[in-house]
C-alpha atoms as a PDB file:
ATOM      1  CA  UNK A   1     -31.236 -52.303 -55.036  1.00  0.00           C
ATOM      2  CA  UNK A   2     -32.950 -49.365 -53.398  1.00  0.00           C
ATOM      3  CA  UNK A   3     -30.846 -46.499 -52.074  1.00  0.00           C
ATOM      4  CA  UNK A   4     -31.454 -47.179 -48.363  1.00  0.00           C
ATOM      5  CA  UNK A   5     -30.487 -50.841 -48.782  1.00  0.00           C
ATOM      6  CA  UNK A   6     -27.348 -49.819 -50.671  1.00  0.00           C
ATOM      7  CA  UNK A   7     -26.413 -47.352 -47.929  1.00  0.00           C
ATOM      8  CA  UNK A   8     -27.002 -50.005 -45.251  1.00  0.00           C
ATOM      9  CA  UNK A   9     -24.710 -52.458 -47.056  1.00  0.00           C
ATOM     10  CA  UNK A  10     -22.123 -49.712 -47.421  1.00  0.00           C
ATOM     11  CA  UNK A  11     -22.439 -48.840 -43.734  1.00  0.00           C
ATOM     12  CA  UNK A  12     -21.842 -52.464 -42.635  1.00  0.00           C
ATOM     13  CA  UNK A  13     -18.770 -52.733 -44.889  1.00  0.00           C
ATOM     14  CA  UNK A  14     -17.501 -49.381 -43.663  1.00  0.00           C
ATOM     15  CA  UNK A  15     -17.950 -50.399 -40.014  1.00  0.00           C
ATOM     16  CA  UNK A  16     -15.958 -53.583 -40.597  1.00  0.00           C
ATOM     17  CA  UNK A  17     -13.017 -51.643 -42.035  1.00  0.00           C
ATOM     18  CA  UNK A  18     -12.950 -48.616 -39.725  1.00  0.00           C
ATOM     19  CA  UNK A  19     -13.465 -50.489 -36.459  1.00  0.00           C
ATOM     20  CA  UNK A  20     -11.428 -53.615 -37.241  1.00  0.00           C
ATOM     21  CA  UNK A  21      -9.203 -53.036 -34.206  1.00  0.00           C
ATOM     22  CA  UNK A  22     -12.145 -52.640 -31.793  1.00  0.00           C
ATOM     23  CA  UNK A  23     -14.383 -55.541 -30.754  1.00  0.00           C
ATOM     24  CA  UNK A  24     -17.801 -53.922 -31.258  1.00  0.00           C
ATOM     25  CA  UNK A  25     -19.670 -57.037 -30.146  1.00  0.00           C
ATOM     26  CA  UNK A  26     -17.723 -57.064 -26.854  1.00  0.00           C
ATOM     27  CA  UNK A  27     -18.664 -53.409 -26.302  1.00  0.00           C
ATOM     28  CA  UNK A  28     -22.307 -54.211 -27.062  1.00  0.00           C
ATOM     29  CA  UNK A  29     -22.291 -57.088 -24.581  1.00  0.00           C
ATOM     30  CA  UNK A  30     -20.666 -54.932 -21.896  1.00  0.00           C
ATOM     31  CA  UNK A  31     -23.266 -52.257 -22.566  1.00  0.00           C
ATOM     32  CA  UNK A  32     -26.102 -54.752 -22.077  1.00  0.00           C
ATOM     33  CA  UNK A  33     -24.569 -56.038 -18.839  1.00  0.00           C
ATOM     34  CA  UNK A  34     -23.938 -52.475 -17.623  1.00  0.00           C
ATOM     35  CA  UNK A  35     -27.600 -51.811 -16.930  1.00  0.00           C
ATOM     36  CA  UNK A  36     -27.462 -54.182 -13.957  1.00  0.00           C
ATOM     37  CA  UNK A  37     -23.766 -54.681 -13.238  1.00  0.00           C
ATOM     38  CA  UNK A  38     -21.525 -51.984 -11.816  1.00  0.00           C
ATOM     39  CA  UNK A  39     -18.500 -54.107 -12.717  1.00  0.00           C
ATOM     40  CA  UNK A  40     -19.573 -54.222 -16.383  1.00  0.00           C
ATOM     41  CA  UNK A  41     -20.347 -50.482 -16.374  1.00  0.00           C
ATOM     42  CA  UNK A  42     -16.897 -49.727 -14.983  1.00  0.00           C
ATOM     43  CA  UNK A  43     -15.293 -52.083 -17.487  1.00  0.00           C
ATOM     44  CA  UNK A  44     -17.170 -50.413 -20.354  1.00  0.00           C
ATOM     45  CA  UNK A  45     -16.070 -47.002 -19.097  1.00  0.00           C
ATOM     46  CA  UNK A  46     -12.445 -48.145 -18.869  1.00  0.00           C
ATOM     47  CA  UNK A  47     -12.603 -49.648 -22.380  1.00  0.00           C
ATOM     48  CA  UNK A  48     -13.983 -46.431 -23.880  1.00  0.00           C
ATOM     49  CA  UNK A  49     -12.406 -43.621 -21.862  1.00  0.00           C
ATOM     50  CA  UNK A  50      -9.454 -43.195 -24.239  1.00  0.00           C
ATOM     51  CA  UNK A  51     -11.425 -43.446 -27.474  1.00  0.00           C
ATOM     52  CA  UNK A  52     -10.683 -40.736 -30.022  1.00  0.00           C
ATOM     53  CA  UNK A  53     -13.685 -38.431 -29.925  1.00  0.00           C
ATOM     54  CA  UNK A  54     -12.800 -36.731 -33.203  1.00  0.00           C
ATOM     55  CA  UNK A  55     -12.911 -39.312 -35.959  1.00  0.00           C
ATOM     56  CA  UNK A  56     -15.042 -42.319 -35.040  1.00  0.00           C
ATOM     57  CA  UNK A  57     -18.615 -41.415 -34.133  1.00  0.00           C
ATOM     58  CA  UNK A  58     -19.607 -44.970 -33.181  1.00  0.00           C
ATOM     59  CA  UNK A  59     -16.812 -45.092 -30.621  1.00  0.00           C
ATOM     60  CA  UNK A  60     -17.955 -41.727 -29.303  1.00  0.00           C
ATOM     61  CA  UNK A  61     -21.408 -43.319 -28.987  1.00  0.00           C
ATOM     62  CA  UNK A  62     -20.041 -46.181 -26.907  1.00  0.00           C
ATOM     63  CA  UNK A  63     -18.144 -43.706 -24.766  1.00  0.00           C
ATOM     64  CA  UNK A  64     -21.393 -41.767 -24.276  1.00  0.00           C
ATOM     65  CA  UNK A  65     -23.238 -44.921 -23.288  1.00  0.00           C
ATOM     66  CA  UNK A  66     -20.532 -45.775 -20.759  1.00  0.00           C
ATOM     67  CA  UNK A  67     -21.207 -42.413 -19.114  1.00  0.00           C
ATOM     68  CA  UNK A  68     -24.953 -43.082 -19.069  1.00  0.00           C
ATOM     69  CA  UNK A  69     -24.409 -46.542 -17.570  1.00  0.00           C
ATOM     70  CA  UNK A  70     -22.327 -45.138 -14.731  1.00  0.00           C
ATOM     71  CA  UNK A  71     -25.393 -43.109 -13.721  1.00  0.00           C
ATOM     72  CA  UNK A  72     -27.031 -46.384 -12.673  1.00  0.00           C
ATOM     73  CA  UNK A  73     -24.229 -47.225 -10.267  1.00  0.00           C
ATOM     74  CA  UNK A  74     -23.203 -44.010  -8.522  1.00  0.00           C
ATOM     75  CA  UNK A  75     -25.162 -42.748  -5.564  1.00  0.00           C
ATOM     76  CA  UNK A  76     -24.130 -39.098  -5.541  1.00  0.00           C
ATOM     77  CA  UNK A  77     -26.726 -37.008  -7.388  1.00  0.00           C
ATOM     78  CA  UNK A  78     -24.098 -34.606  -8.703  1.00  0.00           C
ATOM     79  CA  UNK A  79     -22.012 -37.487 -10.066  1.00  0.00           C
ATOM     80  CA  UNK A  80     -25.099 -38.930 -11.739  1.00  0.00           C
ATOM     81  CA  UNK A  81     -25.861 -35.578 -13.347  1.00  0.00           C
ATOM     82  CA  UNK A  82     -22.253 -35.088 -14.473  1.00  0.00           C
ATOM     83  CA  UNK A  83     -22.161 -38.529 -16.104  1.00  0.00           C
ATOM     84  CA  UNK A  84     -25.559 -37.943 -17.685  1.00  0.00           C
ATOM     85  CA  UNK A  85     -24.609 -34.546 -19.127  1.00  0.00           C
ATOM     86  CA  UNK A  86     -21.299 -35.890 -20.408  1.00  0.00           C
ATOM     87  CA  UNK A  87     -23.020 -38.857 -22.053  1.00  0.00           C
ATOM     88  CA  UNK A  88     -25.690 -36.649 -23.612  1.00  0.00           C
ATOM     89  CA  UNK A  89     -23.127 -34.255 -25.103  1.00  0.00           C
ATOM     90  CA  UNK A  90     -20.982 -37.072 -26.471  1.00  0.00           C
ATOM     91  CA  UNK A  91     -23.944 -38.904 -27.987  1.00  0.00           C
ATOM     92  CA  UNK A  92     -25.407 -35.813 -29.625  1.00  0.00           C
ATOM     93  CA  UNK A  93     -21.959 -34.914 -31.024  1.00  0.00           C
ATOM     94  CA  UNK A  94     -21.618 -38.423 -32.461  1.00  0.00           C
ATOM     95  CA  UNK A  95     -25.066 -38.269 -34.067  1.00  0.00           C
ATOM     96  CA  UNK A  96     -24.262 -34.885 -35.624  1.00  0.00           C
ATOM     97  CA  UNK A  97     -21.289 -36.563 -37.318  1.00  0.00           C
ATOM     98  CA  UNK A  98     -23.254 -39.627 -38.506  1.00  0.00           C
ATOM     99  CA  UNK A  99     -26.942 -38.762 -38.555  1.00  0.00           C
ATOM    100  CA  UNK A 100     -28.017 -42.006 -40.239  1.00  0.00           C
ATOM    101  CA  UNK A 101     -25.986 -44.407 -38.098  1.00  0.00           C
ATOM    102  CA  UNK A 102     -28.551 -46.929 -36.794  1.00  0.00           C
ATOM    103  CA  UNK A 103     -26.481 -47.864 -33.768  1.00  0.00           C
ATOM    104  CA  UNK A 104     -26.144 -44.258 -32.625  1.00  0.00           C
ATOM    105  CA  UNK A 105     -29.876 -43.702 -33.132  1.00  0.00           C
ATOM    106  CA  UNK A 106     -30.505 -46.912 -31.177  1.00  0.00           C
ATOM    107  CA  UNK A 107     -28.305 -45.599 -28.346  1.00  0.00           C
ATOM    108  CA  UNK A 108     -30.255 -42.346 -28.203  1.00  0.00           C
ATOM    109  CA  UNK A 109     -33.610 -44.123 -28.410  1.00  0.00           C
ATOM    110  CA  UNK A 110     -32.796 -46.557 -25.590  1.00  0.00           C
ATOM    111  CA  UNK A 111     -31.482 -43.718 -23.460  1.00  0.00           C
ATOM    112  CA  UNK A 112     -34.397 -41.374 -24.064  1.00  0.00           C
ATOM    113  CA  UNK A 113     -36.962 -44.093 -23.392  1.00  0.00           C
ATOM    114  CA  UNK A 114     -35.338 -44.896 -20.047  1.00  0.00           C
ATOM    115  CA  UNK A 115     -34.262 -41.617 -18.462  1.00  0.00           C
ATOM    116  CA  UNK A 116     -36.587 -39.680 -16.166  1.00  0.00           C
ATOM    117  CA  UNK A 117     -38.609 -37.087 -18.074  1.00  0.00           C
ATOM    118  CA  UNK A 118     -37.474 -34.324 -15.716  1.00  0.00           C
ATOM    119  CA  UNK A 119     -34.039 -34.500 -17.381  1.00  0.00           C
ATOM    120  CA  UNK A 120     -35.616 -33.141 -20.559  1.00  0.00           C
ATOM    121  CA  UNK A 121     -33.956 -35.667 -22.872  1.00  0.00           C
ATOM    122  CA  UNK A 122     -36.876 -37.165 -24.741  1.00  0.00           C
ATOM    123  CA  UNK A 123     -37.429 -35.005 -27.804  1.00  0.00           C
ATOM    124  CA  UNK A 124     -36.250 -37.588 -30.386  1.00  0.00           C
ATOM    125  CA  UNK A 125     -38.214 -40.646 -29.287  1.00  0.00           C
ATOM    126  CA  UNK A 126     -40.855 -40.588 -32.040  1.00  0.00           C
ATOM    127  CA  UNK A 127     -38.482 -39.867 -34.917  1.00  0.00           C
ATOM    128  CA  UNK A 128     -35.917 -42.384 -33.647  1.00  0.00           C
ATOM    129  CA  UNK A 129     -38.584 -45.070 -33.310  1.00  0.00           C
ATOM    130  CA  UNK A 130     -39.642 -44.514 -36.932  1.00  0.00           C
ATOM    131  CA  UNK A 131     -35.996 -44.540 -38.047  1.00  0.00           C
ATOM    132  CA  UNK A 132     -35.297 -47.834 -36.253  1.00  0.00           C
ATOM    133  CA  UNK A 133     -38.452 -49.549 -37.544  1.00  0.00           C
ATOM    134  CA  UNK A 134     -37.530 -48.444 -41.071  1.00  0.00           C
ATOM    135  CA  UNK A 135     -34.002 -49.744 -40.512  1.00  0.00           C
ATOM    136  CA  UNK A 136     -35.447 -53.159 -39.659  1.00  0.00           C
ATOM    137  CA  UNK A 137     -37.756 -53.098 -42.705  1.00  0.00           C
ATOM    138  CA  UNK A 138     -35.026 -51.922 -45.081  1.00  0.00           C
ATOM    139  CA  UNK A 139     -32.580 -54.556 -43.887  1.00  0.00           C
ATOM    140  CA  UNK A 140     -34.902 -57.544 -43.529  1.00  0.00           C
ATOM    141  CA  UNK A 141     -33.623 -59.117 -46.760  1.00  0.00           C
ATOM    142  CA  UNK A 142     -30.146 -57.597 -46.630  1.00  0.00           C
ATOM    143  CA  UNK A 143     -27.650 -60.451 -46.362  1.00  0.00           C
ATOM    144  CA  UNK A 144     -24.859 -57.983 -45.532  1.00  0.00           C
ATOM    145  CA  UNK A 145     -26.602 -56.495 -42.506  1.00  0.00           C
ATOM    146  CA  UNK A 146     -25.054 -56.436 -39.055  1.00  0.00           C
ATOM    147  CA  UNK A 147     -27.202 -59.287 -37.702  1.00  0.00           C
ATOM    148  CA  UNK A 148     -26.176 -58.659 -34.104  1.00  0.00           C
ATOM    149  CA  UNK A 149     -27.220 -54.995 -34.226  1.00  0.00           C
ATOM    150  CA  UNK A 150     -30.390 -55.846 -36.165  1.00  0.00           C
ATOM    151  CA  UNK A 151     -31.451 -58.386 -33.523  1.00  0.00           C
ATOM    152  CA  UNK A 152     -30.651 -56.052 -30.622  1.00  0.00           C
ATOM    153  CA  UNK A 153     -32.755 -53.271 -32.141  1.00  0.00           C
ATOM    154  CA  UNK A 154     -35.621 -55.638 -32.878  1.00  0.00           C
ATOM    155  CA  UNK A 155     -35.550 -57.137 -29.379  1.00  0.00           C
ATOM    156  CA  UNK A 156     -35.570 -53.705 -27.752  1.00  0.00           C
ATOM    157  CA  UNK A 157     -38.417 -52.379 -29.898  1.00  0.00           C
ATOM    158  CA  UNK A 158     -40.514 -55.451 -29.066  1.00  0.00           C
ATOM    159  CA  UNK A 159     -40.199 -54.867 -25.331  1.00  0.00           C
ATOM    160  CA  UNK A 160     -40.193 -51.074 -25.156  1.00  0.00           C
ATOM    161  CA  UNK A 161     -43.230 -49.200 -23.905  1.00  0.00           C
ATOM    162  CA  UNK A 162     -43.312 -46.565 -26.643  1.00  0.00           C
ATOM    163  CA  UNK A 163     -44.100 -49.106 -29.364  1.00  0.00           C
ATOM    164  CA  UNK A 164     -47.776 -49.868 -29.740  1.00  0.00           C
ATOM    165  CA  UNK A 165     -49.175 -53.367 -30.213  1.00  0.00           C
ATOM    166  CA  UNK A 166     -49.690 -52.900 -33.965  1.00  0.00           C
ATOM    167  CA  UNK A 167     -46.096 -51.727 -34.351  1.00  0.00           C
ATOM    168  CA  UNK A 168     -44.877 -54.707 -32.341  1.00  0.00           C
ATOM    169  CA  UNK A 169     -46.878 -57.090 -34.510  1.00  0.00           C
ATOM    170  CA  UNK A 170     -45.241 -55.707 -37.653  1.00  0.00           C
ATOM    171  CA  UNK A 171     -41.789 -55.759 -36.006  1.00  0.00           C
ATOM    172  CA  UNK A 172     -42.237 -59.443 -35.073  1.00  0.00           C
ATOM    173  CA  UNK A 173     -42.517 -60.255 -38.782  1.00  0.00           C
ATOM    174  CA  UNK A 174     -39.163 -58.650 -39.548  1.00  0.00           C
END
C-alpha cells in the first residue's frame, strides 16, 4: 500500500471517529443547496455557528463555507464583504491545521474558482486542482474512501472551468 493511499484510509477512519456526533453528509447537502437557497444558507450558518474553531478543522471549514454562502444572499455590500473575509480567515486557519485534508482543499478550490477576481482570493487554484486530481487518482481503488466526498470532488472538477478537456477526460476515468 503506497503512503498516500495509507494516509487516505487513515483520514477516512479518523473522520468517522472524530466527527461521529456531526452529520457531515447533511452539512454537505446544505452546502450544495446554499448556493441557490437562502433558507439552506441560513440553516447551514445556524448549524455551524457554534462549532469549536480550535480542535476540528473540518468543522471550521464548514463554518467558513457557511459564511461564504451567506454572501450570495445578502444585498448589503459591507455585509457581503464581512461574511467573505470571515469565511476566508476561517478556511485558511482550518487548512493551516490540516494541510492535506481533501475536503478543506475542495472548499478552498470551489470558493476560489467562483469568487470575483477583484477579491484577490485565487492564488491556490492551480495547486489545489492538482491536489484534488491526485486525491481522485490515489483513492480510485481505495475501498475505504469517503465515496460521497470523492464523487462531489469528481463532479465539481468535471464541470469547473479551470480544468482543461484533457484533464476532464482523465478525471472521467476515475
